[in-house]
Amino acid sequence: MMNYPDFFNDVPTIKLQDKLSAFLGTFELGLVEFSYPDIVKSAGHSCPTVMGAYLSTLKALEALYKNELPQRGNILVQLKEDSKEGVAGVIASVITQITGATEVTGFKGMNGNFTRTDLMQFNADISTPLTFKRLDSGKTVQVTYNPSSVPANPKQQELMGKIMQQKATDEEKKEFGKLWQQRVEAIFLAVDNVVSVKEEV
């Protein structure tokens, strides 16, 4: 049994329809649902970047599809950064898991259907860090994530330094983890202030 912070379960899940899953009989009607704990398991950790990528995808899909069910594998994702720059790779991995979009490593498709490659582009000529585009309608949203308005507890840096220097006690290590996740939770609670989604015109 896994134990994790309670707020993980408060983060809204992301529901999509995946026609490839339906075609192969994987999930009935291709209905797929991702939770924040699902993404954390894949990423191996919960941090401001992982939460930011999750919330950015959640809000982008809400704006793109409104009352429709998002179509997994039918969304083009563009990132302004190079895949090896900063945390772009972590962000892309989270988005890939949810949307199915990949640069070159995804499913190549069947007779031109269900292709997942070439649905993620880095070094894109875009004005915001991230965009999501529906392939069926061309509707595009620009996404910006900025958690700077949610500062970390000052003690977090001090404890991290002690841990890195192998001078921290077990209690201090535990406290650091709690403080780290408290900021992640605060970012989630401030989602409307840290994630901006604008329809491209």
Protein backbone atom coordinates (compact mmCIF):
# COMPACT_ATOMS: atom_id res chain seq x y z
CA MET A 1 0.00 0.00 0.00
CA MET A 2 1.28 3.43 -0.92
CA ASN A 3 1.09 6.32 1.51
CA TYR A 4 1.19 9.84 0.16
CA PRO A 5 -0.02 13.35 1.06
CA ASP A 6 -3.81 13.62 1.32
CA PHE A 7 -4.02 16.54 -1.10
CA PHE A 8 -2.97 14.29 -4.00
CA ASN A 9 -6.54 12.98 -3.99
CA ASP A 10 -7.98 16.51 -4.09
CA VAL A 11 -6.41 17.29 -7.46
CA PRO A 12 -9.05 16.81 -10.20
CA THR A 13 -8.60 13.82 -12.46
CA ILE A 14 -8.25 14.21 -16.23
CA LYS A 15 -10.69 12.21 -18.35
CA LEU A 16 -10.11 11.57 -22.06
CA GLN A 17 -11.19 9.26 -24.85
CA ASP A 18 -8.48 7.26 -26.58
CA LYS A 19 -9.63 5.75 -29.87
CA LEU A 20 -6.60 3.46 -30.01
CA SER A 21 -7.59 2.00 -26.64
CA ALA A 22 -11.12 1.48 -27.91
CA PHE A 23 -9.88 -0.13 -31.13
CA LEU A 24 -7.67 -2.58 -29.27
CA GLY A 25 -10.26 -3.35 -26.60
CA THR A 26 -8.06 -1.93 -23.86
CA PHE A 27 -10.62 0.33 -22.18
CA GLU A 28 -14.35 0.25 -22.91
CA LEU A 29 -15.19 3.04 -25.37
CA GLY A 30 -11.59 4.15 -25.00
CA LEU A 31 -12.40 6.05 -21.82
CA VAL A 32 -9.23 6.83 -19.87
CA GLU A 33 -8.80 8.70 -16.60
CA PHE A 34 -5.56 9.98 -15.10
CA SER A 35 -5.11 11.12 -11.51
CA TYR A 36 -2.28 13.13 -10.01
CA PRO A 37 -1.02 10.04 -8.12
CA ASP A 38 -0.87 8.21 -11.49
CA ILE A 39 1.43 10.88 -12.86
CA VAL A 40 3.52 11.04 -9.70
CA LYS A 41 4.12 7.28 -9.86
CA SER A 42 5.38 7.63 -13.42
CA ALA A 43 7.52 10.69 -12.66
CA GLY A 44 8.83 9.15 -9.46
CA HIS A 45 8.20 12.28 -7.43
CA SER A 46 5.88 15.20 -6.76
CA CYS A 47 7.30 18.68 -7.22
CA PRO A 48 6.29 22.14 -8.50
CA THR A 49 7.27 21.13 -12.03
CA VAL A 50 5.24 17.91 -12.08
CA MET A 51 2.25 19.64 -10.50
CA GLY A 52 2.62 22.55 -12.92
CA ALA A 53 2.70 20.27 -15.95
CA TYR A 54 -0.35 18.38 -14.69
CA LEU A 55 -2.34 21.54 -13.97
CA SER A 56 -1.28 23.12 -17.27
CA THR A 57 -2.55 20.07 -19.15
CA LEU A 58 -5.77 19.96 -17.12
CA LYS A 59 -6.55 23.63 -17.79
CA ALA A 60 -5.48 23.47 -21.44
CA LEU A 61 -7.78 20.53 -22.14
CA GLU A 62 -10.66 22.23 -20.34
CA ALA A 63 -10.21 25.29 -22.56
CA LEU A 64 -9.77 23.27 -25.76
CA TYR A 65 -12.72 20.94 -25.33
CA LYS A 66 -15.13 22.80 -23.02
CA ASN A 67 -17.95 20.27 -22.49
CA GLU A 68 -16.51 17.70 -24.91
CA LEU A 69 -14.32 14.78 -23.95
CA PRO A 70 -10.65 15.45 -24.86
CA GLN A 71 -9.38 13.13 -27.58
CA ARG A 72 -6.12 11.47 -26.59
CA GLY A 73 -3.78 11.22 -29.58
CA ASN A 74 -5.45 14.12 -31.38
CA ILE A 75 -3.59 16.95 -29.67
CA LEU A 76 -0.42 18.70 -30.87
CA VAL A 77 1.78 20.02 -28.06
CA GLN A 78 4.49 22.62 -28.63
CA LEU A 79 7.16 23.69 -26.15
CA LYS A 80 9.27 26.79 -26.59
CA GLU A 81 12.30 25.22 -24.89
CA ASP A 82 14.65 22.56 -26.16
CA SER A 83 13.99 19.09 -24.73
CA LYS A 84 17.34 19.17 -22.89
CA GLU A 85 16.83 22.65 -21.45
CA GLY A 86 15.77 23.23 -17.85
CA VAL A 87 12.81 21.09 -16.85
CA ALA A 88 11.30 20.85 -20.35
CA GLY A 89 11.88 17.09 -20.41
CA VAL A 90 10.00 16.57 -17.16
CA ILE A 91 7.11 18.73 -18.36
CA ALA A 92 6.98 16.89 -21.67
CA SER A 93 6.95 13.48 -19.96
CA VAL A 94 3.92 14.43 -17.88
CA ILE A 95 2.09 15.80 -20.91
CA THR A 96 2.96 12.72 -22.96
CA GLN A 97 1.50 10.37 -20.39
CA ILE A 98 -1.79 12.28 -20.38
CA THR A 99 -2.22 13.27 -24.04
CA GLY A 100 -0.23 10.52 -25.75
CA ALA A 101 1.70 13.13 -27.73
CA THR A 102 5.35 12.27 -28.41
CA GLU A 103 8.14 13.66 -30.54
CA VAL A 104 9.61 10.48 -32.06
CA THR A 105 9.16 7.65 -29.56
CA GLY A 106 5.41 7.10 -29.73
CA PHE A 107 3.24 4.62 -31.57
CA LYS A 108 3.72 4.91 -35.35
CA GLY A 109 0.09 4.11 -36.11
CA MET A 110 -1.86 1.66 -38.28
CA ASN A 111 -2.52 2.58 -41.89
CA GLY A 112 -2.24 6.24 -40.98
CA ASN A 113 -4.48 5.96 -37.94
CA PHE A 114 -3.68 6.38 -34.24
CA THR A 115 -0.24 7.93 -34.85
CA ARG A 116 1.33 9.41 -31.72
CA THR A 117 4.68 10.57 -33.12
CA ASP A 118 5.25 14.14 -34.31
CA LEU A 119 2.58 15.34 -31.89
CA MET A 120 5.11 17.03 -29.61
CA GLN A 121 7.49 19.72 -30.83
CA PHE A 122 10.36 21.40 -28.99
CA ASN A 123 12.09 24.69 -29.90
CA ALA A 124 8.74 25.87 -31.22
CA ASP A 125 8.33 29.40 -32.53
CA ILE A 126 5.62 30.35 -30.02
CA SER A 127 5.12 33.34 -27.73
CA THR A 128 4.32 31.36 -24.58
CA PRO A 129 6.19 28.44 -23.01
CA LEU A 130 3.56 25.93 -24.13
CA THR A 131 0.68 25.49 -26.58
CA PHE A 132 -1.93 22.77 -27.09
CA LYS A 133 -3.71 22.39 -30.44
CA ARG A 134 -6.67 20.27 -31.49
CA LEU A 135 -5.85 18.53 -34.75
CA ASP A 136 -9.52 18.26 -35.76
CA SER A 137 -10.48 21.92 -35.41
CA GLY A 138 -7.14 23.71 -35.20
CA LYS A 139 -8.19 25.43 -31.99
CA THR A 140 -5.08 26.36 -30.02
CA VAL A 141 -4.50 27.56 -26.47
CA GLN A 142 -1.40 29.24 -25.10
CA VAL A 143 -0.31 28.16 -21.63
CA THR A 144 1.94 29.85 -19.09
CA TYR A 145 2.85 28.38 -15.71
CA ASN A 146 4.50 30.60 -13.12
CA PRO A 147 4.62 29.39 -9.48
CA SER A 148 6.74 32.33 -8.25
CA SER A 149 3.76 33.79 -6.39
CA VAL A 150 3.82 30.72 -4.13
CA PRO A 151 7.13 30.92 -2.26
CA ALA A 152 8.74 28.01 -0.46
CA ASN A 153 9.08 27.97 3.30
CA PRO A 154 12.48 29.61 4.09
CA LYS A 155 13.46 26.60 6.19
CA GLN A 156 13.16 24.33 3.14
CA GLN A 157 16.44 25.56 1.62
CA GLU A 158 18.28 25.23 4.93
CA LEU A 159 17.11 21.65 5.37
CA MET A 160 17.97 20.76 1.78
CA GLY A 161 21.51 22.01 2.37
CA LYS A 162 21.90 19.83 5.45
CA ILE A 163 20.56 16.80 3.59
CA MET A 164 22.93 17.34 0.66
CA GLN A 165 25.82 17.62 3.09
CA GLN A 166 24.64 14.44 4.84
CA LYS A 167 24.27 16.33 8.11
CA ALA A 168 20.49 16.09 8.50
CA THR A 169 18.77 13.95 11.10
CA ASP A 170 15.93 11.61 10.17
CA GLU A 171 13.47 14.10 11.63
CA GLU A 172 14.93 16.92 9.54
CA LYS A 173 14.68 14.80 6.40
CA LYS A 174 11.05 14.08 7.17
CA GLU A 175 10.37 17.76 7.84
CA PHE A 176 11.95 18.72 4.53
CA GLY A 177 9.66 16.34 2.66
CA LYS A 178 6.62 17.79 4.40
CA LEU A 179 7.63 21.36 3.61
CA TRP A 180 8.33 20.41 -0.02
CA GLN A 181 4.89 18.90 -0.49
CA GLN A 182 3.24 21.79 1.37
CA ARG A 183 4.47 24.09 -1.39
CA VAL A 184 3.23 21.70 -4.07
CA GLU A 185 -0.17 21.71 -2.38
CA ALA A 186 -0.13 25.52 -2.16
CA ILE A 187 0.56 25.68 -5.91
CA PHE A 188 -2.42 23.42 -6.57
CA LEU A 189 -4.65 25.58 -4.40
CA ALA A 190 -3.47 28.68 -6.28
CA VAL A 191 -4.00 27.13 -9.71
CA ASP A 192 -5.91 30.11 -11.12
CA ASN A 193 -3.00 32.39 -10.20
CA VAL A 194 -0.17 30.18 -11.42
CA VAL A 195 -1.62 28.77 -14.65
CA SER A 196 -2.74 31.09 -17.42
CA VAL A 197 -4.56 29.71 -20.48
CA LYS A 198 -5.46 31.92 -23.44
CA GLU A 199 -7.08 30.93 -26.71
CA GLU A 200 -4.90 31.76 -29.69
CA VAL A 201 -6.55 33.95 -32.31
